[in-house]
Amino acid sequence: MTAGDYIARIVDVPDHGIRLEPAPDSTTPEQANEVNLLGLAVALALGSAGYHHHPEPRDPELQTLDALLAGEVTMPWLSEDPAGETTYIVCESTSTGAPKCRVEQRQL
């Protein structure tokens, strides 16, 4: 893991979606633009991995990107295959500043 990387375990919350549990040495951005870029990269990786939105709408006042990345809220994403104990979202910083994320099975 290098500076600027974000890794979080995907925790399934039945009937509500998922919660991200960041690894202790994950970097969560502080600038609004960087938070938005990471949130978009996470959403694209989840979509590519077969996750889809739960029918329950998101509460925009409570379920913010900051809270999602910090692991404080559940977001309405579901998978056909619920995440196991070792399913993670792995985001690496790139030279362009935009993170690149993927969903993978991993041991930390």
Protein backbone atom coordinates (compact mmCIF):
# COMPACT_ATOMS: atom_id res chain seq x y z
CA MET A 1 0.00 0.00 0.00
CA THR A 2 1.36 3.41 -0.94
CA ALA A 3 0.44 6.89 0.24
CA GLY A 4 -2.90 7.93 -1.24
CA ASP A 5 -4.26 4.39 -1.54
CA TYR A 6 -7.68 3.46 -0.14
CA ILE A 7 -8.56 -0.13 0.77
CA ALA A 8 -11.74 -1.14 2.57
CA ARG A 9 -13.47 -4.42 3.34
CA ILE A 10 -16.97 -4.61 1.88
CA VAL A 11 -19.42 -5.54 4.64
CA ASP A 12 -22.90 -6.69 3.61
CA VAL A 13 -25.71 -5.27 5.72
CA PRO A 14 -28.77 -7.44 4.98
CA ASP A 15 -31.71 -5.59 3.40
CA HIS A 16 -29.81 -2.27 3.41
CA GLY A 17 -26.72 -2.59 1.21
CA ILE A 18 -23.05 -2.40 2.09
CA ARG A 19 -20.75 -0.58 4.47
CA LEU A 20 -17.08 -0.02 3.77
CA GLU A 21 -14.62 -0.84 6.55
CA PRO A 22 -11.37 1.02 5.69
CA ALA A 23 -8.05 -0.69 6.41
CA PRO A 24 -6.14 1.05 9.22
CA ASP A 25 -3.54 2.50 6.84
CA SER A 26 -6.02 3.61 4.14
CA THR A 27 -5.92 7.22 3.09
CA THR A 28 -9.26 9.00 2.92
CA PRO A 29 -9.10 12.30 1.03
CA GLU A 30 -10.06 15.54 2.72
CA GLN A 31 -10.58 17.84 -0.29
CA ALA A 32 -14.14 17.77 -1.70
CA ASN A 33 -12.96 17.18 -5.28
CA GLU A 34 -10.76 14.24 -4.22
CA VAL A 35 -13.61 12.76 -2.15
CA ASN A 36 -15.90 13.00 -5.19
CA LEU A 37 -13.30 11.38 -7.47
CA LEU A 38 -12.76 8.51 -5.03
CA GLY A 39 -16.51 8.07 -4.52
CA LEU A 40 -17.04 7.91 -8.29
CA ALA A 41 -14.18 5.41 -8.71
CA VAL A 42 -15.65 3.24 -5.92
CA ALA A 43 -19.11 3.35 -7.54
CA LEU A 44 -17.69 2.41 -10.96
CA ALA A 45 -15.72 -0.51 -9.47
CA LEU A 46 -18.79 -1.76 -7.59
CA GLY A 47 -20.88 -1.56 -10.76
CA SER A 48 -18.23 -3.42 -12.75
CA ALA A 49 -18.16 -6.13 -10.07
CA GLY A 50 -21.91 -6.76 -10.38
CA TYR A 51 -23.23 -4.59 -7.56
CA HIS A 52 -26.46 -2.69 -8.17
CA HIS A 53 -28.53 -0.17 -6.23
CA HIS A 54 -30.87 -1.49 -3.55
CA PRO A 55 -34.44 -0.22 -4.07
CA GLU A 56 -34.22 1.72 -0.79
CA PRO A 57 -33.31 5.33 -1.67
CA ARG A 58 -30.18 6.92 -0.25
CA ASP A 59 -30.62 9.60 2.44
CA PRO A 60 -28.43 12.42 1.05
CA GLU A 61 -28.21 14.20 4.42
CA LEU A 62 -26.82 11.16 6.25
CA GLN A 63 -25.32 8.98 3.54
CA THR A 64 -22.59 11.28 2.24
CA LEU A 65 -19.46 10.24 0.37
CA ASP A 66 -17.32 11.31 3.34
CA ALA A 67 -19.33 9.07 5.67
CA LEU A 68 -19.27 6.17 3.17
CA LEU A 69 -15.49 6.29 2.76
CA ALA A 70 -15.01 6.58 6.54
CA GLY A 71 -17.15 3.46 7.06
CA GLU A 72 -19.82 5.30 9.06
CA VAL A 73 -22.89 4.61 6.90
CA THR A 74 -24.52 1.89 4.86
CA MET A 75 -25.04 2.63 1.20
CA PRO A 76 -27.71 1.03 -1.02
CA TRP A 77 -25.53 -1.31 -3.09
CA LEU A 78 -26.24 -5.02 -3.36
CA SER A 79 -24.51 -7.89 -5.08
CA GLU A 80 -25.90 -11.07 -6.55
CA ASP A 81 -23.13 -12.74 -4.55
CA PRO A 82 -22.95 -11.17 -1.07
CA ALA A 83 -19.43 -10.06 -0.12
CA GLY A 84 -17.43 -12.57 1.85
CA GLU A 85 -15.06 -11.91 4.71
CA THR A 86 -12.26 -11.13 2.27
CA THR A 87 -13.97 -8.95 -0.35
CA TYR A 88 -12.35 -5.53 -0.61
CA ILE A 89 -12.53 -2.38 -2.66
CA VAL A 90 -8.95 -1.50 -3.60
CA CYS A 91 -8.22 2.00 -4.89
CA GLU A 92 -4.79 3.14 -5.99
CA SER A 93 -3.74 6.68 -6.71
CA THR A 94 -2.58 7.37 -10.27
CA SER A 95 -0.30 9.95 -11.82
CA THR A 96 -3.36 11.87 -13.09
CA GLY A 97 -4.72 12.22 -9.56
CA ALA A 98 -7.84 10.17 -10.32
CA PRO A 99 -7.95 6.94 -8.30
CA LYS A 100 -8.39 3.58 -9.99
CA CYS A 101 -10.50 1.09 -8.02
CA ARG A 102 -11.38 -2.58 -8.26
CA VAL A 103 -13.20 -5.17 -6.17
CA GLU A 104 -11.09 -8.18 -5.20
CA GLN A 105 -10.70 -11.04 -2.80
CA ARG A 106 -7.70 -10.40 -0.58
CA GLN A 107 -6.10 -11.14 2.76
CA LEU A 108 -4.85 -8.15 4.71
